[in-house]
Amino acid sequence: MIFKNVPHIRLASRLKLSKMGMRVFHRVSSFVKPTTRMIQHFGQDATKARLGINEEQLLKLLAGDSIPVDLDIDDGYVILDLGKRWILGLGLLINGRVRSQLPRKELRKSMVRGLSIDN
């Protein structure tokens, strides 16, 4: 056993699981939204609906602004990557503008200070 004498593990062992796994999609309005976890784990393999952004654009998104983009895809969710190295999460593309769908708890301005996408 990995954990020995942990009260929470003993309590949890009494629970019966009805579902197990990772949620990967859910419906939001008229769109099907991939979950952030799914995108962060598997997004690097995506070949469509992916938008590379730079640090300046990321800071605008984090500030609550939208950024203009020229993508030849329908409105919906796009994968945001920083310099093709870091999958950040999702943006919502509507009428040529992307708004952040990045989880505020996980991605803060302090996390991107000093980042260089040239590394």
C-alpha atoms as a PDB file:
ATOM      1  CA  MET A   1       0.000   0.000   0.000  1.00  0.00           C
ATOM      2  CA  ILE A   2       1.322   3.436  -0.912  1.00  0.00           C
ATOM      3  CA  PHE A   3      -0.240   5.200   2.066  1.00  0.00           C
ATOM      4  CA  LYS A   4      -0.057   3.702   5.518  1.00  0.00           C
ATOM      5  CA  ASN A   5      -2.222   4.765   8.439  1.00  0.00           C
ATOM      6  CA  VAL A   6      -3.839   7.688   6.636  1.00  0.00           C
ATOM      7  CA  PRO A   7      -7.346   8.271   8.073  1.00  0.00           C
ATOM      8  CA  HIS A   8      -8.670   9.902   4.886  1.00  0.00           C
ATOM      9  CA  ILE A   9      -7.677   6.896   2.783  1.00  0.00           C
ATOM     10  CA  ARG A  10      -9.518   4.534   5.126  1.00  0.00           C
ATOM     11  CA  LEU A  11     -12.645   6.702   4.936  1.00  0.00           C
ATOM     12  CA  ALA A  12     -12.420   6.972   1.154  1.00  0.00           C
ATOM     13  CA  SER A  13     -12.001   3.221   0.797  1.00  0.00           C
ATOM     14  CA  ARG A  14     -15.607   2.820   1.984  1.00  0.00           C
ATOM     15  CA  LEU A  15     -16.953   4.848  -0.943  1.00  0.00           C
ATOM     16  CA  LYS A  16     -18.387   3.080  -3.950  1.00  0.00           C
ATOM     17  CA  LEU A  17     -17.377   4.560  -7.279  1.00  0.00           C
ATOM     18  CA  SER A  18     -20.057   5.144  -9.870  1.00  0.00           C
ATOM     19  CA  LYS A  19     -17.750   6.737 -12.413  1.00  0.00           C
ATOM     20  CA  MET A  20     -14.057   6.746 -12.958  1.00  0.00           C
ATOM     21  CA  GLY A  21     -11.861   8.543 -15.425  1.00  0.00           C
ATOM     22  CA  MET A  22     -11.305  12.021 -16.724  1.00  0.00           C
ATOM     23  CA  ARG A  23     -14.075  14.180 -18.108  1.00  0.00           C
ATOM     24  CA  VAL A  24     -12.992  15.356 -21.545  1.00  0.00           C
ATOM     25  CA  PHE A  25     -15.953  17.321 -22.974  1.00  0.00           C
ATOM     26  CA  HIS A  26     -19.048  19.132 -21.815  1.00  0.00           C
ATOM     27  CA  ARG A  27     -21.695  21.221 -23.542  1.00  0.00           C
ATOM     28  CA  VAL A  28     -21.566  24.992 -23.117  1.00  0.00           C
ATOM     29  CA  SER A  29     -24.349  26.790 -24.944  1.00  0.00           C
ATOM     30  CA  SER A  30     -24.211  25.627 -28.572  1.00  0.00           C
ATOM     31  CA  PHE A  31     -20.583  24.476 -28.323  1.00  0.00           C
ATOM     32  CA  VAL A  32     -18.924  21.315 -27.112  1.00  0.00           C
ATOM     33  CA  LYS A  33     -16.072  22.403 -24.848  1.00  0.00           C
ATOM     34  CA  PRO A  34     -13.026  20.254 -24.198  1.00  0.00           C
ATOM     35  CA  THR A  35     -11.941  20.344 -20.575  1.00  0.00           C
ATOM     36  CA  THR A  36      -8.757  22.170 -19.628  1.00  0.00           C
ATOM     37  CA  ARG A  37      -7.232  18.944 -18.288  1.00  0.00           C
ATOM     38  CA  MET A  38      -7.837  17.137 -21.564  1.00  0.00           C
ATOM     39  CA  ILE A  39      -6.317  19.995 -23.555  1.00  0.00           C
ATOM     40  CA  GLN A  40      -3.291  20.269 -21.275  1.00  0.00           C
ATOM     41  CA  HIS A  41      -2.658  16.519 -21.545  1.00  0.00           C
ATOM     42  CA  PHE A  42      -3.419  15.898 -25.214  1.00  0.00           C
ATOM     43  CA  GLY A  43      -3.472  19.340 -26.859  1.00  0.00           C
ATOM     44  CA  GLN A  44       0.082  19.093 -28.163  1.00  0.00           C
ATOM     45  CA  ASP A  45      -1.181  16.488 -30.633  1.00  0.00           C
ATOM     46  CA  ALA A  46      -3.893  18.755 -32.059  1.00  0.00           C
ATOM     47  CA  THR A  47      -3.521  19.790 -35.681  1.00  0.00           C
ATOM     48  CA  LYS A  48      -6.650  21.966 -36.023  1.00  0.00           C
ATOM     49  CA  ALA A  49      -8.240  24.758 -33.995  1.00  0.00           C
ATOM     50  CA  ARG A  50      -4.899  25.625 -32.430  1.00  0.00           C
ATOM     51  CA  LEU A  51      -3.695  29.192 -31.960  1.00  0.00           C
ATOM     52  CA  GLY A  52      -0.141  30.134 -31.133  1.00  0.00           C
ATOM     53  CA  ILE A  53       0.011  33.315 -29.098  1.00  0.00           C
ATOM     54  CA  ASN A  54       2.891  35.412 -27.845  1.00  0.00           C
ATOM     55  CA  GLU A  55       3.494  36.763 -24.356  1.00  0.00           C
ATOM     56  CA  GLU A  56       1.901  40.138 -25.144  1.00  0.00           C
ATOM     57  CA  GLN A  57      -1.290  38.455 -26.362  1.00  0.00           C
ATOM     58  CA  LEU A  58      -1.317  36.193 -23.304  1.00  0.00           C
ATOM     59  CA  LEU A  59      -1.119  39.182 -20.982  1.00  0.00           C
ATOM     60  CA  LYS A  60      -4.042  40.814 -22.823  1.00  0.00           C
ATOM     61  CA  LEU A  61      -6.104  37.657 -22.431  1.00  0.00           C
ATOM     62  CA  LEU A  62      -5.237  37.428 -18.738  1.00  0.00           C
ATOM     63  CA  ALA A  63      -6.316  41.045 -18.303  1.00  0.00           C
ATOM     64  CA  GLY A  64      -9.754  40.115 -19.663  1.00  0.00           C
ATOM     65  CA  ASP A  65      -9.312  41.580 -23.144  1.00  0.00           C
ATOM     66  CA  SER A  66      -9.967  39.738 -26.378  1.00  0.00           C
ATOM     67  CA  ILE A  67      -7.425  39.488 -29.166  1.00  0.00           C
ATOM     68  CA  PRO A  68      -8.123  39.653 -32.906  1.00  0.00           C
ATOM     69  CA  VAL A  69      -7.159  36.597 -34.943  1.00  0.00           C
ATOM     70  CA  ASP A  70      -7.343  35.565 -38.564  1.00  0.00           C
ATOM     71  CA  LEU A  71      -8.193  31.872 -38.516  1.00  0.00           C
ATOM     72  CA  ASP A  72     -10.078  30.034 -41.235  1.00  0.00           C
ATOM     73  CA  ILE A  73     -12.256  28.042 -38.831  1.00  0.00           C
ATOM     74  CA  ASP A  74     -15.793  28.269 -37.460  1.00  0.00           C
ATOM     75  CA  ASP A  75     -16.529  30.001 -34.184  1.00  0.00           C
ATOM     76  CA  GLY A  76     -15.858  27.799 -31.176  1.00  0.00           C
ATOM     77  CA  TYR A  77     -13.078  26.747 -28.863  1.00  0.00           C
ATOM     78  CA  VAL A  78      -9.421  26.923 -29.856  1.00  0.00           C
ATOM     79  CA  ILE A  79      -6.358  25.543 -28.130  1.00  0.00           C
ATOM     80  CA  LEU A  80      -3.999  28.288 -26.974  1.00  0.00           C
ATOM     81  CA  ASP A  81      -0.307  27.570 -27.007  1.00  0.00           C
ATOM     82  CA  LEU A  82       2.574  29.815 -26.076  1.00  0.00           C
ATOM     83  CA  GLY A  83       5.361  29.631 -28.602  1.00  0.00           C
ATOM     84  CA  LYS A  84       4.367  26.096 -29.680  1.00  0.00           C
ATOM     85  CA  ARG A  85       5.950  24.859 -26.441  1.00  0.00           C
ATOM     86  CA  TRP A  86       3.313  25.252 -23.738  1.00  0.00           C
ATOM     87  CA  ILE A  87      -0.317  24.294 -24.059  1.00  0.00           C
ATOM     88  CA  LEU A  88      -2.096  26.853 -21.914  1.00  0.00           C
ATOM     89  CA  GLY A  89      -5.717  25.849 -22.309  1.00  0.00           C
ATOM     90  CA  LEU A  90      -8.625  27.181 -24.342  1.00  0.00           C
ATOM     91  CA  GLY A  91      -9.841  30.374 -25.903  1.00  0.00           C
ATOM     92  CA  LEU A  92     -13.295  31.027 -27.334  1.00  0.00           C
ATOM     93  CA  LEU A  93     -13.274  32.298 -30.926  1.00  0.00           C
ATOM     94  CA  ILE A  94     -16.300  34.421 -31.829  1.00  0.00           C
ATOM     95  CA  ASN A  95     -16.417  36.711 -34.883  1.00  0.00           C
ATOM     96  CA  GLY A  96     -12.648  36.845 -35.357  1.00  0.00           C
ATOM     97  CA  ARG A  97     -11.797  37.574 -31.714  1.00  0.00           C
ATOM     98  CA  VAL A  98     -10.555  35.197 -29.033  1.00  0.00           C
ATOM     99  CA  ARG A  99     -11.441  35.524 -25.359  1.00  0.00           C
ATOM    100  CA  SER A 100      -9.626  33.640 -22.652  1.00  0.00           C
ATOM    101  CA  GLN A 101     -11.104  30.495 -21.185  1.00  0.00           C
ATOM    102  CA  LEU A 102      -7.925  29.898 -19.186  1.00  0.00           C
ATOM    103  CA  PRO A 103      -8.534  28.853 -15.584  1.00  0.00           C
ATOM    104  CA  ARG A 104      -7.764  31.811 -13.356  1.00  0.00           C
ATOM    105  CA  LYS A 105      -6.752  29.577 -10.454  1.00  0.00           C
ATOM    106  CA  GLU A 106      -3.953  28.012 -12.448  1.00  0.00           C
ATOM    107  CA  LEU A 107      -2.635  30.751 -14.676  1.00  0.00           C
ATOM    108  CA  ARG A 108      -1.686  34.082 -13.173  1.00  0.00           C
ATOM    109  CA  LYS A 109       0.294  36.993 -14.562  1.00  0.00           C
ATOM    110  CA  SER A 110       3.059  36.185 -12.102  1.00  0.00           C
ATOM    111  CA  MET A 111       3.451  32.792 -13.813  1.00  0.00           C
ATOM    112  CA  VAL A 112       4.348  34.381 -17.140  1.00  0.00           C
ATOM    113  CA  ARG A 113       6.667  37.127 -15.905  1.00  0.00           C
ATOM    114  CA  GLY A 114      10.120  36.511 -17.267  1.00  0.00           C
ATOM    115  CA  LEU A 115       8.968  33.795 -19.654  1.00  0.00           C
ATOM    116  CA  SER A 116      10.719  33.778 -22.946  1.00  0.00           C
ATOM    117  CA  ILE A 117       9.184  31.818 -25.771  1.00  0.00           C
ATOM    118  CA  ASP A 118      12.547  31.784 -27.523  1.00  0.00           C
ATOM    119  CA  ASN A 119      14.008  29.228 -25.063  1.00  0.00           C
END
